[in-house]
Each structure stands twice: as C-alpha cells, then as structure tokens.
Amino acid sequence: MIISERPGDNEDKTGLAFVGRAGELLDKIFAAIGMDTNKDLLIVNVVKCLPPTDRAPQSGEVEACRPYLERQIDLVGPKVIILLGAVAFKYVSEEPRDFSMEEEAGKFFTLPKFPGIQFMVLYHPAFLLRDPSKKKPMWQHVQRLKEYLQTSRLLP
C-alpha cells in the first residue's frame, strides 16, 4: 500500500491516483523493482478530496478523512506501507516529533497503532520532479524496499 497526502488536480478530475508527471515517475520507480502500481499496490491518500488551494492538508481535513484511511488499511491488510513524503508521515504516524526526510527516508519502522505493518517513508515523486538531486538517494531507498520485499517473500 502507498499513502500520499492528497489528490491533485489531475487525480480529482479523473478519480484515479497518481496521474500526470508524478504518477508516471512513480510507475517507473516501482516498475524498476518489478512492481506494477496498477496491479501490485493500492494507492490512497490521507485526505480524500482536493483542498480548495494547492496546499498540504490541514489537521481538520485529515481528521475528517482518518476513519476512511484506517478502514482502507484494515480492508487491505498490507504487510508494508509506503508513505510518500513528510506530510503523509506526519498524519499517519501521529507522532509529535521533529522529522527530517533526509534522515528518515528509506528506513523501515513500525507504529503501535498498526501492528504487523512495516512502514517506510519515500520522497514524493512530485518532489523528485522539483529536486532531481534526490533521485539517487530515492533509488537507494527503493533498492532497500525491494530487498526487504524479496527477503519477506512479498516479491519474487
């Protein structure tokens, strides 16, 4: 399962997750480790609707959508959840702590609220389009993910 922060304009118009340039990049990233984002993964958002302006979700919006996200997690029963970006991490973890993407991206961790699930934060593909210098560390993180999935027999 992949959790991002919110739908964008293209996603809101089409009703599909990750369409457009960021979606194409996400498809390529996961295809490189043998995964099809349309078949092997469910992509969901912390907030289910497009905010009125291009901004990160606000806490009230997140709280209104939290039951839907938690139900999606319950229904899917993922062994691994990828959080795309710091905003997804902030609202899924609910941990009041300082967070640095450079320090935390690519590391596995668990959350008491979701026993039995391994989490990993990755750079959001839209961020990679704005800052291509993060593509190399992202590739290293994705390789770590692939290794974990293979070792756990979740990926051939």
Protein backbone atom coordinates (compact mmCIF):
# COMPACT_ATOMS: atom_id res chain seq x y z
CA MET A 1 0.00 0.00 0.00
CA ILE A 2 1.13 3.54 -0.72
CA ILE A 3 -0.23 6.51 1.20
CA SER A 4 0.20 10.02 -0.16
CA GLU A 5 -1.12 13.29 1.23
CA ARG A 6 -3.99 14.32 -1.05
CA PRO A 7 -5.26 14.12 -4.60
CA GLY A 8 -4.03 16.70 -7.08
CA ASP A 9 -5.96 18.43 -9.85
CA ASN A 10 -5.48 15.56 -12.33
CA GLU A 11 -6.45 12.94 -9.74
CA ASP A 12 -9.53 14.92 -8.73
CA LYS A 13 -10.66 15.24 -12.36
CA THR A 14 -10.10 11.60 -13.30
CA GLY A 15 -10.80 9.87 -9.99
CA LEU A 16 -7.54 7.93 -10.43
CA ALA A 17 -4.49 8.02 -8.19
CA PHE A 18 -1.22 9.46 -9.42
CA VAL A 19 -1.89 10.51 -12.95
CA GLY A 20 0.30 13.09 -14.66
CA ARG A 21 4.06 13.53 -14.42
CA ALA A 22 4.37 12.47 -10.77
CA GLY A 23 2.31 9.37 -11.47
CA GLU A 24 4.44 8.45 -14.47
CA LEU A 25 7.56 8.78 -12.33
CA LEU A 26 6.01 6.67 -9.55
CA ASP A 27 5.12 4.00 -12.15
CA LYS A 28 8.73 3.96 -13.41
CA ILE A 29 10.20 3.78 -9.90
CA PHE A 30 8.15 0.75 -8.94
CA ALA A 31 8.48 -0.91 -12.35
CA ALA A 32 12.25 -0.80 -11.81
CA ILE A 33 11.82 -3.18 -8.86
CA GLY A 34 9.31 -5.39 -10.64
CA MET A 35 6.07 -3.90 -9.34
CA ASP A 36 3.09 -2.58 -11.28
CA THR A 37 1.44 0.31 -9.42
CA ASN A 38 -1.90 -0.60 -11.00
CA LYS A 39 -1.80 -4.29 -10.04
CA ASP A 40 0.54 -4.77 -7.09
CA LEU A 41 -0.22 -1.70 -5.00
CA LEU A 42 -3.17 0.25 -3.69
CA ILE A 43 -2.51 3.97 -3.68
CA VAL A 44 -4.57 6.03 -1.25
CA ASN A 45 -4.42 9.49 0.28
CA VAL A 46 -4.55 10.83 3.82
CA VAL A 47 -7.17 13.33 2.64
CA LYS A 48 -9.68 12.05 0.13
CA CYS A 49 -10.65 15.32 -1.60
CA LEU A 50 -8.77 18.10 -3.28
CA PRO A 51 -8.26 21.09 -0.95
CA PRO A 52 -9.52 24.43 -2.33
CA THR A 53 -5.94 25.60 -2.98
CA ASP A 54 -2.71 23.80 -3.77
CA ARG A 55 -1.61 23.21 -0.19
CA ALA A 56 -0.91 20.47 2.30
CA PRO A 57 -3.94 19.07 4.11
CA GLN A 58 -4.97 20.76 7.34
CA SER A 59 -5.48 18.80 10.54
CA GLY A 60 -9.29 19.15 10.46
CA GLU A 61 -9.39 17.74 6.93
CA VAL A 62 -7.18 14.85 7.98
CA GLU A 63 -9.33 14.07 10.99
CA ALA A 64 -12.47 14.08 8.84
CA CYS A 65 -10.87 11.52 6.49
CA ARG A 66 -8.98 9.42 9.07
CA PRO A 67 -11.75 6.79 9.51
CA TYR A 68 -11.74 6.15 5.75
CA LEU A 69 -7.96 5.75 5.64
CA GLU A 70 -7.95 3.43 8.65
CA ARG A 71 -10.72 1.34 7.09
CA GLN A 72 -8.75 1.09 3.84
CA ILE A 73 -5.74 -0.17 5.81
CA ASP A 74 -7.93 -2.68 7.67
CA LEU A 75 -9.51 -3.98 4.46
CA VAL A 76 -6.26 -4.33 2.54
CA GLY A 77 -4.23 -5.74 5.43
CA PRO A 78 -0.88 -4.66 3.97
CA LYS A 79 2.40 -6.03 5.26
CA VAL A 80 4.21 -2.88 4.06
CA ILE A 81 3.00 0.70 3.72
CA ILE A 82 4.99 3.31 1.83
CA LEU A 83 4.37 6.87 2.99
CA LEU A 84 5.10 9.36 0.23
CA GLY A 85 6.54 12.48 1.77
CA ALA A 86 6.69 14.17 5.16
CA VAL A 87 3.01 15.15 5.16
CA ALA A 88 1.86 11.54 4.83
CA PHE A 89 4.30 10.55 7.59
CA LYS A 90 3.09 13.31 9.91
CA TYR A 91 -0.56 12.39 9.66
CA VAL A 92 -0.27 8.61 9.59
CA SER A 93 2.27 8.31 12.40
CA GLU A 94 0.57 10.87 14.64
CA GLU A 95 3.93 11.14 16.41
CA PRO A 96 4.64 14.63 17.69
CA ARG A 97 8.32 14.81 16.82
CA ASP A 98 10.65 16.64 14.52
CA PHE A 99 11.01 14.88 11.24
CA SER A 100 13.64 15.24 8.53
CA MET A 101 13.07 13.50 5.21
CA GLU A 102 16.81 13.31 4.61
CA GLU A 103 17.27 11.40 7.87
CA GLU A 104 14.16 9.21 7.78
CA ALA A 105 13.56 8.40 4.11
CA GLY A 106 14.33 4.82 3.19
CA LYS A 107 14.22 3.44 6.75
CA PHE A 108 11.75 0.85 7.96
CA PHE A 109 9.81 1.46 11.16
CA THR A 110 6.66 0.29 12.90
CA LEU A 111 3.77 2.14 14.51
CA PRO A 112 1.99 0.79 17.60
CA LYS A 113 -1.38 1.72 16.09
CA PHE A 114 -0.75 -0.62 13.12
CA PRO A 115 0.81 -3.83 14.48
CA GLY A 116 2.39 -6.18 11.96
CA ILE A 117 2.90 -3.49 9.31
CA GLN A 118 6.33 -2.23 8.25
CA PHE A 119 6.37 1.41 7.18
CA MET A 120 8.87 3.27 5.01
CA VAL A 121 8.88 6.92 4.04
CA LEU A 122 9.96 7.75 0.50
CA TYR A 123 10.32 11.05 -1.29
CA HIS A 124 7.15 12.09 -3.06
CA PRO A 125 7.56 11.83 -6.85
CA ALA A 126 6.39 15.44 -7.27
CA PHE A 127 9.28 16.48 -5.02
CA LEU A 128 11.70 14.45 -7.13
CA LEU A 129 10.50 16.34 -10.21
CA ARG A 130 11.29 19.62 -8.44
CA ASP A 131 14.60 18.43 -6.95
CA PRO A 132 16.26 15.81 -9.20
CA SER A 133 19.25 15.65 -6.83
CA LYS A 134 17.10 13.41 -4.60
CA LYS A 135 16.71 10.76 -7.30
CA LYS A 136 19.94 8.98 -6.35
CA PRO A 137 19.02 8.57 -2.66
CA MET A 138 15.50 7.60 -3.72
CA TRP A 139 16.94 4.82 -5.87
CA GLN A 140 18.90 3.54 -2.85
CA HIS A 141 15.74 3.61 -0.73
CA VAL A 142 13.76 1.73 -3.36
CA GLN A 143 16.51 -0.90 -3.58
CA ARG A 144 16.26 -1.34 0.20
CA LEU A 145 12.49 -1.76 -0.20
CA LYS A 146 12.98 -4.35 -2.93
CA GLU A 147 15.45 -6.30 -0.80
CA TYR A 148 13.03 -6.30 2.14
CA LEU A 149 10.11 -7.41 -0.03
CA GLN A 150 12.18 -10.25 -1.53
CA THR A 151 13.53 -11.37 1.85
CA SER A 152 9.99 -11.31 3.26
CA ARG A 153 8.76 -13.26 0.22
CA LEU A 154 6.36 -10.47 -0.71
CA LEU A 155 8.10 -10.02 -4.08
CA PRO A 156 9.58 -12.75 -6.26
